[in-house]
Amino acid sequence: MAERTVAVIGSNCFTGCHIVDALLEDSSNRVLAVSRSREYAPLFLPYKRHAHPKLTFHQLDMVREAKALTSLLDEQRPSVVINVAALSEVALSHECPLDYFTTNTLGIAGLCHHLRRTEYLERYVHISSAEIFGSCSGAVDEQTLFHPSTPYAVSKAAADMYLETLVRHFDFPALIIRSTNVYGRHQQLFKIIPRTVIYLKTGKILELHGGGVSYKSFIHVRDVVSGLMLALNSGKTGTFHFTEASDDTVADVVRQVCETMGRDFGQATRTVGERLGQDARYWLDCTKARRDLGWEPKIPFAEGVREIVDWIETNWDDVQRRPLTYQHKA
């Protein structure tokens, strides 16, 4: 197979690093990994297991160093650009909405406005979010109208809408990926599943916003990445949803982690006030992905939780030195 150059913007983020990892499993891929932060430690980067000569890392900010980024892309001429870069902590978007719109909307508009005029781009893959639909009363497909309820969700919806105009007017080769809550090894430690494991190990009480009654469909990051790769390698464009049907609430998820570790849910948690703009449920219809790509989720939730517990216990000395709260960078 001919060599393919793929740029992954946001390579340090959870989904981004797993995309890089999957790309490096194919020796025909040459990967440009791009992030505004320096390359993270191996604890958070699964692709570090590869001693791969076809991977290069570039520290560039998509917004502040937009010209340098587009110059790099023009020089390296990737046939595929995968963009995972985003500010994604939903609650904080109420406090600093301009940061979220600058990165999640304006950054995407600037990048894709440049890419649509290039000759080398064959596919642009954009990681969107289920949150653009707001609270769902039933499963929503790729054609459902957006109804975002937070500044974060609005900023992501605006980017999707801009991409749709590029597709409509310029035949821009966009592939949009949406999923519900992703989880797995190498995730940020402040996320609910790794944070629960850490709190249980250290004896801290976990606070459940609103009692954890909102429904959250968790899907393993490798199942999402496998769907992305199926779509990418099929040559298809358009939008695809990836999720795993579940009626579990946040409290149910935490309870399963407690059971996995042999701890009492009631003693390990307490209820606090609900977050502003918390949607009751995200529910995606994956019929299109199953029909057109032959995609199915393969990693059961219990297996994924056990994997995270083992990952944290194996790396416990390193984990203990890391912060457990989100560190915002404007």
Protein backbone atom coordinates (compact mmCIF):
# COMPACT_ATOMS: atom_id res chain seq x y z
CA MET A 1 0.00 0.00 0.00
CA ALA A 2 1.28 3.49 -0.86
CA GLU A 3 2.44 5.65 2.02
CA ARG A 4 -0.21 8.03 3.37
CA THR A 5 0.55 11.16 5.39
CA VAL A 6 -1.99 11.88 8.13
CA ALA A 7 -1.97 14.95 10.37
CA VAL A 8 -3.65 14.59 13.79
CA ILE A 9 -4.34 17.98 15.36
CA GLY A 10 -4.93 17.57 19.09
CA SER A 11 -2.68 14.52 19.38
CA ASN A 12 -2.19 14.95 23.14
CA CYS A 13 -5.90 14.68 23.94
CA PHE A 14 -7.47 11.39 24.95
CA THR A 15 -9.16 10.51 21.68
CA GLY A 16 -6.39 12.07 19.62
CA CYS A 17 -3.62 9.96 21.14
CA HIS A 18 -5.62 6.78 20.54
CA ILE A 19 -6.14 7.81 16.91
CA VAL A 20 -2.38 8.25 16.54
CA ASP A 21 -1.87 4.85 18.15
CA ALA A 22 -4.27 3.20 15.69
CA LEU A 23 -2.68 4.94 12.69
CA LEU A 24 0.78 3.71 13.69
CA GLU A 25 -0.43 0.11 13.60
CA ASP A 26 -0.43 0.49 9.80
CA SER A 27 3.11 0.84 8.49
CA SER A 28 1.87 2.72 5.41
CA ASN A 29 0.88 5.72 7.55
CA ARG A 30 3.22 8.63 8.19
CA VAL A 31 1.80 10.64 11.10
CA LEU A 32 2.20 14.32 11.93
CA ALA A 33 1.12 14.69 15.57
CA VAL A 34 0.23 18.29 16.47
CA SER A 35 -0.65 19.74 19.88
CA ARG A 36 -0.42 23.12 21.54
CA SER A 37 1.22 21.49 24.58
CA ARG A 38 4.47 19.62 24.71
CA GLU A 39 4.16 15.90 24.14
CA TYR A 40 2.68 14.29 27.25
CA ALA A 41 4.24 11.55 29.35
CA PRO A 42 3.73 7.89 28.32
CA LEU A 43 1.07 7.56 31.07
CA PHE A 44 -1.29 9.51 28.80
CA LEU A 45 -0.01 8.51 25.35
CA PRO A 46 -0.64 4.91 24.25
CA TYR A 47 1.24 5.48 21.00
CA LYS A 48 4.49 5.72 22.98
CA ARG A 49 4.55 1.92 22.81
CA HIS A 50 5.55 2.30 19.16
CA ALA A 51 9.18 3.04 18.34
CA HIS A 52 7.98 4.49 15.07
CA PRO A 53 10.22 6.40 12.65
CA LYS A 54 7.16 7.66 10.74
CA LEU A 55 5.85 9.75 13.65
CA THR A 56 6.85 13.38 14.13
CA PHE A 57 5.51 15.65 16.88
CA HIS A 58 4.98 19.38 16.36
CA GLN A 59 4.05 21.76 19.19
CA LEU A 60 1.76 24.31 17.56
CA ASP A 61 -1.35 26.16 18.74
CA MET A 62 -4.16 25.90 16.17
CA VAL A 63 -5.39 29.40 17.09
CA ARG A 64 -2.36 31.44 18.15
CA GLU A 65 -0.03 29.83 15.64
CA ALA A 66 -2.50 29.28 12.83
CA LYS A 67 -0.13 30.51 10.13
CA ALA A 68 2.68 28.22 11.32
CA LEU A 69 0.26 25.29 11.39
CA THR A 70 -1.04 25.85 7.87
CA SER A 71 2.54 26.33 6.66
CA LEU A 72 3.46 22.96 8.18
CA LEU A 73 0.49 21.32 6.48
CA ASP A 74 1.31 22.93 3.15
CA GLU A 75 4.91 21.74 3.45
CA GLN A 76 4.05 18.16 4.49
CA ARG A 77 0.92 17.88 2.30
CA PRO A 78 -1.08 15.35 4.33
CA SER A 79 -3.83 13.67 2.35
CA VAL A 80 -5.80 13.32 5.60
CA VAL A 81 -6.20 15.86 8.40
CA ILE A 82 -7.90 14.63 11.59
CA ASN A 83 -8.88 17.40 13.98
CA VAL A 84 -9.50 16.48 17.60
CA ALA A 85 -8.38 19.81 19.10
CA ALA A 86 -11.04 21.42 21.31
CA LEU A 87 -11.79 22.84 24.71
CA SER A 88 -14.16 20.26 26.13
CA GLU A 89 -14.80 20.80 29.84
CA VAL A 90 -18.48 21.66 29.60
CA ALA A 91 -19.12 23.32 32.99
CA LEU A 92 -16.23 25.76 32.54
CA SER A 93 -17.62 26.98 29.22
CA HIS A 94 -20.18 29.05 31.15
CA GLU A 95 -17.36 31.01 32.79
CA CYS A 96 -15.13 31.61 29.77
CA PRO A 97 -17.26 31.18 26.64
CA LEU A 98 -14.95 33.28 24.46
CA ASP A 99 -12.14 30.77 24.97
CA TYR A 100 -14.43 27.98 23.78
CA PHE A 101 -15.68 29.83 20.71
CA THR A 102 -12.17 30.94 19.81
CA THR A 103 -10.85 27.37 19.79
CA ASN A 104 -13.88 25.25 18.93
CA THR A 105 -15.43 27.52 16.30
CA LEU A 106 -13.04 30.18 15.02
CA GLY A 107 -10.04 27.84 15.08
CA ILE A 108 -11.94 25.30 12.96
CA ALA A 109 -13.21 27.96 10.58
CA GLY A 110 -9.71 29.32 9.99
CA LEU A 111 -8.15 25.89 9.50
CA CYS A 112 -10.81 24.56 7.14
CA HIS A 113 -11.04 27.79 5.15
CA HIS A 114 -7.36 27.23 4.36
CA LEU A 115 -7.66 23.50 3.75
CA ARG A 116 -10.54 23.81 1.28
CA ARG A 117 -8.24 25.71 -1.10
CA THR A 118 -5.41 23.17 -1.02
CA GLU A 119 -4.77 20.52 -3.65
CA TYR A 120 -3.37 17.84 -1.37
CA LEU A 121 -6.29 17.28 1.03
CA GLU A 122 -8.39 14.19 0.35
CA ARG A 123 -10.21 13.84 3.68
CA TYR A 124 -10.83 16.12 6.65
CA VAL A 125 -12.00 14.23 9.74
CA HIS A 126 -13.68 16.30 12.45
CA ILE A 127 -14.44 15.07 15.97
CA SER A 128 -17.77 16.56 16.98
CA SER A 129 -19.91 15.89 20.08
CA ALA A 130 -23.27 14.39 21.04
CA GLU A 131 -23.83 17.47 23.21
CA ILE A 132 -24.81 19.57 20.20
CA PHE A 133 -28.24 17.86 20.35
CA GLY A 134 -28.95 18.82 23.95
CA SER A 135 -31.00 16.47 26.08
CA CYS A 136 -32.40 13.62 23.96
CA SER A 137 -35.80 12.02 24.53
CA GLY A 138 -35.01 9.33 21.95
CA ALA A 139 -32.15 8.18 19.76
CA VAL A 140 -31.09 10.93 17.34
CA ASP A 141 -29.61 10.26 13.92
CA GLU A 142 -27.17 12.28 11.85
CA GLN A 143 -29.96 14.46 10.37
CA THR A 144 -31.45 15.60 13.71
CA LEU A 145 -31.52 19.35 14.32
CA PHE A 146 -29.09 20.73 16.87
CA HIS A 147 -30.36 22.00 20.24
CA PRO A 148 -27.26 22.82 22.32
CA SER A 149 -27.67 23.89 25.94
CA THR A 150 -24.16 25.05 26.95
CA PRO A 151 -21.57 27.41 25.43
CA TYR A 152 -19.38 24.37 24.77
CA ALA A 153 -22.15 22.63 22.84
CA VAL A 154 -22.99 25.80 20.90
CA SER A 155 -19.34 26.23 19.90
CA LYS A 156 -19.19 22.64 18.63
CA ALA A 157 -22.51 22.94 16.81
CA ALA A 158 -21.36 26.14 15.08
CA ALA A 159 -18.25 24.36 13.79
CA ASP A 160 -20.36 21.49 12.44
CA MET A 161 -22.65 23.95 10.69
CA TYR A 162 -19.70 25.74 9.11
CA LEU A 163 -18.36 22.42 7.84
CA GLU A 164 -21.75 21.68 6.30
CA THR A 165 -21.55 24.94 4.33
CA LEU A 166 -18.10 23.96 3.04
CA VAL A 167 -19.45 20.59 1.94
CA ARG A 168 -22.45 22.17 0.26
CA HIS A 169 -20.67 24.98 -1.59
CA PHE A 170 -17.16 23.64 -2.17
CA ASP A 171 -17.53 19.85 -2.00
CA PHE A 172 -15.22 19.86 1.02
CA PRO A 173 -14.27 16.22 1.86
CA ALA A 174 -15.45 16.30 5.46
CA LEU A 175 -16.06 13.26 7.64
CA ILE A 176 -17.73 14.15 10.96
CA ILE A 177 -17.55 11.76 13.91
CA ARG A 178 -19.85 12.01 16.93
CA SER A 179 -19.91 9.76 19.98
CA THR A 180 -21.20 9.77 23.52
CA ASN A 181 -18.87 9.62 26.53
CA VAL A 182 -15.58 7.94 25.69
CA TYR A 183 -13.44 6.20 28.28
CA GLY A 184 -10.45 3.88 28.52
CA ARG A 185 -6.81 3.71 29.55
CA HIS A 186 -4.71 6.89 29.34
CA GLN A 187 -7.73 9.14 30.00
CA GLN A 188 -7.36 12.38 31.93
CA LEU A 189 -7.45 11.56 35.63
CA PHE A 190 -10.20 14.08 36.42
CA LYS A 191 -12.70 12.22 34.23
CA ILE A 192 -15.40 10.34 36.12
CA ILE A 193 -14.17 6.73 35.79
CA PRO A 194 -10.44 7.20 36.54
CA ARG A 195 -11.30 9.78 39.21
CA THR A 196 -13.64 7.30 40.89
CA VAL A 197 -10.90 4.65 40.91
CA ILE A 198 -8.41 7.10 42.41
CA TYR A 199 -10.86 8.33 45.05
CA LEU A 200 -11.67 4.78 46.07
CA LYS A 201 -7.98 3.96 46.40
CA THR A 202 -7.29 7.07 48.50
CA GLY A 203 -10.46 7.00 50.60
CA LYS A 204 -11.83 10.32 49.31
CA ILE A 205 -15.58 10.87 48.98
CA LEU A 206 -16.77 11.29 45.39
CA GLU A 207 -19.30 14.05 44.80
CA LEU A 208 -22.17 13.19 42.45
CA HIS A 209 -23.68 16.31 40.88
CA GLY A 210 -27.46 16.12 41.10
CA GLY A 211 -27.09 12.65 42.60
CA GLY A 212 -25.73 11.31 39.30
CA VAL A 213 -29.21 10.79 37.81
CA SER A 214 -28.36 11.92 34.26
CA TYR A 215 -27.97 9.11 31.74
CA LYS A 216 -24.54 8.63 30.21
CA SER A 217 -23.84 6.13 27.44
CA PHE A 218 -20.15 5.28 27.75
CA ILE A 219 -18.26 3.82 24.83
CA HIS A 220 -14.69 2.61 24.83
CA VAL A 221 -12.33 4.93 22.99
CA ARG A 222 -10.98 2.06 20.89
CA ASP A 223 -14.50 1.31 19.62
CA VAL A 224 -14.88 4.94 18.51
CA VAL A 225 -11.45 4.94 16.88
CA SER A 226 -12.21 1.67 15.09
CA GLY A 227 -15.35 3.26 13.67
CA LEU A 228 -13.40 6.31 12.56
CA MET A 229 -10.84 4.09 10.82
CA LEU A 230 -13.58 2.10 9.08
CA ALA A 231 -15.11 5.32 7.78
CA LEU A 232 -11.76 6.77 6.78
CA ASN A 233 -10.55 3.68 4.95
CA SER A 234 -13.90 3.23 3.21
CA GLY A 235 -13.46 6.55 1.44
CA LYS A 236 -16.83 7.76 2.73
CA THR A 237 -17.64 11.32 3.76
CA GLY A 238 -20.60 12.61 5.76
CA THR A 239 -21.42 12.10 9.44
CA PHE A 240 -21.33 8.95 11.55
CA HIS A 241 -22.52 8.31 15.11
CA PHE A 242 -20.82 5.87 17.48
CA THR A 243 -22.19 4.86 20.85
CA GLU A 244 -23.29 1.87 22.88
CA ALA A 245 -26.90 1.73 24.01
CA SER A 246 -27.19 1.99 27.78
CA ASP A 247 -29.75 2.98 30.40
CA ASP A 248 -27.06 3.57 33.03
CA THR A 249 -26.93 6.82 34.95
CA VAL A 250 -23.74 8.43 36.20
CA ALA A 251 -24.54 6.91 39.60
CA ASP A 252 -24.86 3.47 37.98
CA VAL A 253 -21.45 3.89 36.34
CA VAL A 254 -19.82 4.87 39.63
CA ARG A 255 -21.60 1.97 41.35
CA GLN A 256 -20.09 -0.46 38.80
CA VAL A 257 -16.62 0.91 39.48
CA CYS A 258 -17.23 0.48 43.23
CA GLU A 259 -18.34 -3.11 42.69
CA THR A 260 -15.30 -3.84 40.53
CA MET A 261 -13.04 -2.62 43.34
CA GLY A 262 -15.07 -4.21 46.14
CA ARG A 263 -16.15 -0.91 47.71
CA ASP A 264 -19.47 0.34 49.06
CA PHE A 265 -21.15 2.89 46.80
CA GLY A 266 -23.09 4.58 49.62
CA GLN A 267 -20.00 5.17 51.73
CA ALA A 268 -17.88 6.31 48.78
CA THR A 269 -20.21 9.01 47.39
CA ARG A 270 -22.34 11.98 48.36
CA THR A 271 -24.85 14.11 46.43
CA VAL A 272 -24.15 17.76 45.61
CA GLY A 273 -25.93 20.33 43.44
CA GLU A 274 -26.42 19.73 39.73
CA ARG A 275 -24.17 21.40 37.18
CA LEU A 276 -25.58 24.30 35.15
CA GLY A 277 -26.88 23.14 31.78
CA GLN A 278 -26.56 19.43 32.54
CA ASP A 279 -28.52 17.50 29.91
CA ALA A 280 -30.59 14.55 31.10
CA ARG A 281 -29.44 12.20 28.34
CA TYR A 282 -27.39 11.90 25.16
CA TRP A 283 -28.70 9.18 22.89
CA LEU A 284 -27.28 8.63 19.41
CA ASP A 285 -28.67 6.39 16.67
CA CYS A 286 -25.82 4.34 15.17
CA THR A 287 -27.86 2.65 12.43
CA LYS A 288 -25.87 4.34 9.67
CA ALA A 289 -22.50 3.22 11.06
CA ARG A 290 -23.72 -0.35 11.46
CA ARG A 291 -25.27 -0.44 7.99
CA ASP A 292 -22.66 1.43 5.94
CA LEU A 293 -19.48 0.51 7.81
CA GLY A 294 -20.31 -2.83 9.42
CA TRP A 295 -19.32 -1.27 12.75
CA GLU A 296 -20.16 -2.78 16.14
CA PRO A 297 -18.82 -1.91 19.60
CA LYS A 298 -16.67 -4.77 20.86
CA ILE A 299 -15.47 -3.87 24.38
CA PRO A 300 -18.00 -4.54 27.18
CA PHE A 301 -18.22 -1.83 29.81
CA ALA A 302 -17.20 -4.15 32.65
CA GLU A 303 -14.06 -5.11 30.73
CA GLY A 304 -13.27 -1.45 30.05
CA VAL A 305 -13.65 -0.52 33.72
CA ARG A 306 -11.37 -3.39 34.76
CA GLU A 307 -8.84 -2.16 32.21
CA ILE A 308 -8.82 1.34 33.76
CA VAL A 309 -8.48 -0.07 37.29
CA ASP A 310 -5.51 -2.18 36.18
CA TRP A 311 -3.93 0.78 34.35
CA ILE A 312 -4.17 3.02 37.42
CA GLU A 313 -2.90 0.35 39.80
CA THR A 314 0.03 -0.48 37.49
CA ASN A 315 0.99 3.20 37.27
CA TRP A 316 -0.02 4.18 40.80
CA ASP A 317 3.27 5.86 41.76
CA ASP A 318 3.03 8.09 38.70
CA VAL A 319 -0.71 8.68 39.07
CA GLN A 320 -0.34 9.93 42.65
CA ARG A 321 1.94 12.74 41.47
CA ARG A 322 -0.60 14.03 38.95
CA PRO A 323 -3.31 16.69 39.54
CA LEU A 324 -6.90 15.44 39.76
CA THR A 325 -8.51 18.66 38.56
CA TYR A 326 -8.79 20.16 35.09
CA GLN A 327 -6.07 22.71 34.34
CA HIS A 328 -7.62 25.28 32.01
CA LYS A 329 -5.49 26.83 29.27
CA ALA A 330 -7.16 29.67 27.40
